[in-house]
Amino acid sequence: MNVLGLTFRGACRAAVETPVAGHCKFIVTVNADFIVRAREGDERLRRIIDTHYSTFDGFWPWLIARLRHPGEPCDKISGSDLIYRYAEQCHVAGRTLLILGGGPGVAPEAARRLNERFGGNGAHSWEPPFEPYPMSQGYIDALRDRVKALQPMAVAVCLGSPKQEFLIEDQLEFFSANGVSFACGAGGTVDFMAGRIKRAPLFVQNIGLEGVWRLLAQPSMFRLKRLLLSFRLFRYYFD
């Protein structure tokens, strides 16, 4: 589906929830911020969105897709929902989910809560030291060692965008060769899973004000700038 000058190959849940043997699907949950940055100079992010399994993450991108392509199957799929689905799939299949990133103690708590919710101990975490992209060879080796040891079905990379997307793309061939079916950049989702931040109520999500809720929950100049940047999404409506 072509929307807002970009190509979305993950518009339906089946596209991002159905594994393909021997292939790791790279899921890109595309919100308004992603779209604006991809359209305004981040050529690598734009190529990643166009090439891999991009979803509509957020009310406004999803609504625009529905308006531009009436009658075509189109789901609103956020990382905050998708990771729970992958955790459930891993539990059913007897496989593991690796959560990478987050602040101190956040990923382990997210994994603990997922294991409590679904039973067993299929969710694992790794808190890597902070490194700017591109990461050092030692960082990459440590990540690969964990993937080899755990053989996860899904990897949730929570390092912030576009760092997390760049890392996944770099390691996609390795993930495929080591049994990973899904790799997803999950950003702040790890904070929701760990209970550090309360996600916006469903009615707030359904009227397109989740970004405002997040700003109120975590007030910062970064989040204000990001919210204001997202409004530029609408200039691309007729592309």
Protein backbone atom coordinates (compact mmCIF):
# COMPACT_ATOMS: atom_id res chain seq x y z
CA MET A 1 0.00 0.00 0.00
CA ASN A 2 1.43 3.38 -1.01
CA VAL A 3 0.52 6.15 1.43
CA LEU A 4 2.12 9.53 2.16
CA GLY A 5 4.80 8.88 -0.44
CA LEU A 6 5.94 5.68 1.30
CA THR A 7 5.35 1.95 0.79
CA PHE A 8 3.71 -0.06 3.58
CA ARG A 9 4.04 -3.85 3.33
CA GLY A 10 2.72 -4.55 6.83
CA ALA A 11 -0.69 -2.95 6.54
CA CYS A 12 -2.45 -6.11 7.74
CA ARG A 13 -1.79 -8.17 10.85
CA ALA A 14 -1.27 -11.36 8.87
CA ALA A 15 1.73 -9.79 7.14
CA VAL A 16 3.55 -9.11 10.42
CA GLU A 17 2.36 -12.08 12.49
CA THR A 18 2.91 -14.96 10.06
CA PRO A 19 6.44 -16.39 10.11
CA VAL A 20 8.31 -17.42 6.97
CA ALA A 21 10.72 -20.33 7.35
CA GLY A 22 14.36 -19.28 7.17
CA HIS A 23 13.54 -15.58 6.97
CA CYS A 24 13.46 -12.88 9.64
CA LYS A 25 10.73 -10.31 9.04
CA PHE A 26 11.84 -6.79 9.92
CA ILE A 27 8.80 -4.96 11.30
CA VAL A 28 8.89 -1.15 11.20
CA THR A 29 6.09 0.42 13.24
CA VAL A 30 5.74 3.74 11.45
CA ASN A 31 4.27 6.67 13.34
CA ALA A 32 3.91 10.29 12.22
CA ASP A 33 7.43 11.14 13.41
CA PHE A 34 8.91 8.37 11.24
CA ILE A 35 7.01 9.60 8.19
CA VAL A 36 8.12 13.21 8.56
CA ARG A 37 11.78 12.28 9.10
CA ALA A 38 11.73 9.85 6.18
CA ARG A 39 10.20 12.48 3.90
CA GLU A 40 12.48 15.29 5.09
CA GLY A 41 15.96 13.93 4.61
CA ASP A 42 16.55 10.60 6.37
CA GLU A 43 17.04 8.56 3.22
CA ARG A 44 18.08 5.39 5.02
CA LEU A 45 14.97 5.43 7.20
CA ARG A 46 12.87 6.02 4.11
CA ARG A 47 14.44 3.04 2.35
CA ILE A 48 13.89 0.86 5.42
CA ILE A 49 10.20 1.81 5.52
CA ASP A 50 9.78 1.15 1.80
CA THR A 51 11.65 -2.17 1.82
CA HIS A 52 10.53 -4.01 4.95
CA TYR A 53 7.25 -4.77 6.75
CA SER A 54 6.05 -1.31 7.70
CA THR A 55 2.87 -0.87 9.74
CA PHE A 56 0.64 2.09 10.54
CA ASP A 57 1.53 2.94 14.14
CA GLY A 58 -0.69 5.75 15.34
CA PHE A 59 -4.18 6.98 14.64
CA TRP A 60 -3.39 9.65 12.04
CA PRO A 61 -1.21 7.57 9.67
CA TRP A 62 -3.79 4.78 9.88
CA LEU A 63 -6.74 7.15 9.25
CA ILE A 64 -5.00 8.72 6.25
CA ALA A 65 -4.38 5.24 4.84
CA ARG A 66 -8.06 4.38 5.26
CA LEU A 67 -9.14 7.60 3.58
CA ARG A 68 -6.73 7.21 0.67
CA HIS A 69 -7.45 3.48 0.16
CA PRO A 70 -11.10 2.91 1.14
CA GLY A 71 -12.09 -0.74 1.17
CA GLU A 72 -8.56 -2.10 1.33
CA PRO A 73 -7.55 -4.15 4.40
CA CYS A 74 -5.65 -1.90 6.78
CA ASP A 75 -4.92 -2.36 10.48
CA LYS A 76 -3.53 0.02 13.10
CA ILE A 77 -0.52 -1.87 14.45
CA SER A 78 1.72 -0.33 17.08
CA GLY A 79 4.82 -1.80 18.65
CA SER A 80 3.08 -1.59 22.01
CA ASP A 81 0.49 -4.11 20.82
CA LEU A 82 2.71 -6.18 18.56
CA ILE A 83 5.25 -7.17 21.21
CA TYR A 84 2.53 -8.79 23.31
CA ARG A 85 1.40 -10.73 20.26
CA TYR A 86 4.95 -11.95 19.66
CA ALA A 87 5.31 -12.90 23.32
CA GLU A 88 2.14 -14.96 23.03
CA GLN A 89 3.35 -16.63 19.82
CA CYS A 90 6.69 -17.44 21.44
CA HIS A 91 4.90 -18.97 24.43
CA VAL A 92 2.67 -21.14 22.23
CA ALA A 93 5.64 -22.27 20.12
CA GLY A 94 7.89 -22.91 23.12
CA ARG A 95 10.35 -20.31 21.84
CA THR A 96 11.90 -17.20 23.36
CA LEU A 97 11.51 -13.44 22.99
CA LEU A 98 14.61 -11.29 23.48
CA ILE A 99 14.07 -7.70 24.68
CA LEU A 100 17.10 -5.50 24.01
CA GLY A 101 17.56 -2.01 25.44
CA GLY A 102 15.64 0.27 27.76
CA GLY A 103 16.84 2.15 30.81
CA PRO A 104 18.44 0.49 33.85
CA GLY A 105 16.31 -2.40 35.06
CA VAL A 106 13.53 -1.77 32.56
CA ALA A 107 14.01 -4.67 30.12
CA PRO A 108 14.38 -7.30 32.89
CA GLU A 109 11.17 -6.05 34.50
CA ALA A 110 9.40 -6.13 31.13
CA ALA A 111 10.55 -9.72 30.59
CA ARG A 112 9.46 -10.69 34.12
CA ARG A 113 5.98 -9.27 33.54
CA LEU A 114 5.63 -11.01 30.19
CA ASN A 115 6.62 -14.33 31.75
CA GLU A 116 4.11 -13.75 34.54
CA ARG A 117 1.40 -12.94 32.01
CA PHE A 118 1.98 -15.85 29.64
CA GLY A 119 3.58 -18.37 31.97
CA GLY A 120 7.01 -19.96 31.71
CA ASN A 121 10.27 -18.12 31.19
CA GLY A 122 10.28 -17.47 27.46
CA ALA A 123 10.97 -13.74 27.67
CA HIS A 124 14.62 -12.73 28.15
CA SER A 125 16.36 -9.37 28.26
CA TRP A 126 19.71 -7.77 27.57
CA GLU A 127 20.69 -4.32 28.79
CA PRO A 128 23.60 -3.34 26.56
CA PRO A 129 25.86 -0.44 27.49
CA PHE A 130 25.00 2.78 25.72
CA GLU A 131 26.79 3.19 22.42
CA PRO A 132 25.97 5.54 19.55
CA TYR A 133 25.35 4.04 16.15
CA PRO A 134 27.29 2.35 14.63
CA MET A 135 28.01 0.13 17.61
CA SER A 136 31.40 -1.37 18.35
CA GLN A 137 32.34 -4.88 17.29
CA GLY A 138 32.28 -5.91 20.96
CA TYR A 139 28.66 -4.76 21.21
CA ILE A 140 27.69 -6.68 18.08
CA ASP A 141 29.52 -9.81 19.25
CA ALA A 142 27.70 -9.69 22.60
CA LEU A 143 24.34 -9.36 20.84
CA ARG A 144 25.11 -12.22 18.50
CA ASP A 145 26.25 -14.44 21.36
CA ARG A 146 22.89 -13.95 23.08
CA VAL A 147 20.95 -14.68 19.92
CA LYS A 148 22.96 -17.84 19.33
CA ALA A 149 22.41 -18.98 22.91
CA LEU A 150 18.68 -18.17 23.12
CA GLN A 151 17.62 -18.86 19.50
CA PRO A 152 14.73 -16.40 19.95
CA MET A 153 11.69 -16.42 17.73
CA ALA A 154 11.37 -12.66 18.10
CA VAL A 155 13.73 -9.81 18.99
CA ALA A 156 12.40 -6.49 20.28
CA VAL A 157 15.03 -3.75 19.93
CA CYS A 158 14.22 -0.83 22.24
CA LEU A 159 16.98 1.69 21.56
CA GLY A 160 15.03 4.57 20.04
CA SER A 161 14.65 5.43 16.37
CA PRO A 162 16.40 5.35 13.97
CA LYS A 163 19.21 3.65 15.91
CA GLN A 164 17.14 0.53 16.54
CA GLU A 165 16.05 0.25 12.90
CA PHE A 166 19.62 0.66 11.63
CA LEU A 167 20.88 -2.04 14.00
CA ILE A 168 18.16 -4.48 12.96
CA GLU A 169 18.85 -3.93 9.28
CA ASP A 170 22.57 -4.51 9.85
CA GLN A 171 21.87 -7.81 11.65
CA LEU A 172 18.95 -9.03 9.57
CA GLU A 173 20.89 -11.66 7.66
CA PHE A 174 22.40 -12.94 10.92
CA PHE A 175 18.94 -13.08 12.55
CA SER A 176 17.56 -15.07 9.63
CA ALA A 177 20.43 -17.54 9.82
CA ASN A 178 19.84 -18.07 13.55
CA GLY A 179 16.14 -18.81 13.61
CA VAL A 180 14.71 -15.36 14.38
CA SER A 181 11.31 -14.97 12.73
CA PHE A 182 10.53 -11.38 13.74
CA ALA A 183 12.67 -8.36 14.61
CA CYS A 184 10.92 -5.16 15.61
CA GLY A 185 12.06 -1.73 16.74
CA ALA A 186 9.98 -1.17 19.86
CA GLY A 187 11.33 2.10 21.29
CA GLY A 188 9.42 3.21 24.37
CA THR A 189 7.24 0.09 24.36
CA VAL A 190 9.61 -1.44 26.90
CA ASP A 191 8.59 1.27 29.40
CA PHE A 192 4.93 0.31 28.99
CA MET A 193 5.68 -3.41 29.37
CA ALA A 194 7.70 -2.78 32.53
CA GLY A 195 5.00 -0.58 34.03
CA ARG A 196 7.26 2.46 34.19
CA ILE A 197 4.93 4.54 32.03
CA LYS A 198 1.17 4.10 31.72
CA ARG A 199 0.01 3.85 28.14
CA ALA A 200 -2.74 6.19 26.99
CA PRO A 201 -6.27 4.85 27.52
CA LEU A 202 -7.89 3.32 24.47
CA PHE A 203 -10.23 6.24 23.90
CA VAL A 204 -7.23 8.62 23.81
CA GLN A 205 -5.50 6.35 21.28
CA ASN A 206 -8.68 6.23 19.19
CA ILE A 207 -8.91 10.01 18.83
CA GLY A 208 -5.28 10.45 17.85
CA LEU A 209 -3.99 12.08 21.04
CA GLU A 210 -1.59 9.40 22.25
CA GLY A 211 1.39 11.70 21.57
CA VAL A 212 -0.16 14.41 23.76
CA TRP A 213 -0.74 11.87 26.53
CA ARG A 214 2.90 10.72 26.34
CA LEU A 215 4.09 14.34 26.56
CA LEU A 216 1.99 14.88 29.69
CA ALA A 217 3.27 11.62 31.19
CA GLN A 218 6.91 12.39 30.33
CA PRO A 219 7.17 16.17 29.89
CA SER A 220 10.37 17.12 28.08
CA MET A 221 11.55 19.41 25.32
CA PHE A 222 12.39 16.29 23.27
CA ARG A 223 8.81 15.04 23.37
CA LEU A 224 7.38 18.49 22.68
CA LYS A 225 9.60 18.88 19.61
CA ARG A 226 8.68 15.41 18.45
CA LEU A 227 4.97 16.12 18.81
CA LEU A 228 5.23 19.39 16.90
CA LEU A 229 7.29 17.70 14.17
CA SER A 230 4.59 15.05 13.78
CA PHE A 231 2.02 17.65 12.72
CA ARG A 232 3.99 18.14 9.49
CA LEU A 233 2.63 14.73 8.48
CA PHE A 234 -0.42 16.40 6.95
CA ARG A 235 1.57 18.26 4.27
CA TYR A 236 2.09 14.88 2.56
CA TYR A 237 -1.57 13.86 2.53
CA PHE A 238 -1.99 14.20 -1.25
CA ASP A 239 1.23 12.40 -2.28
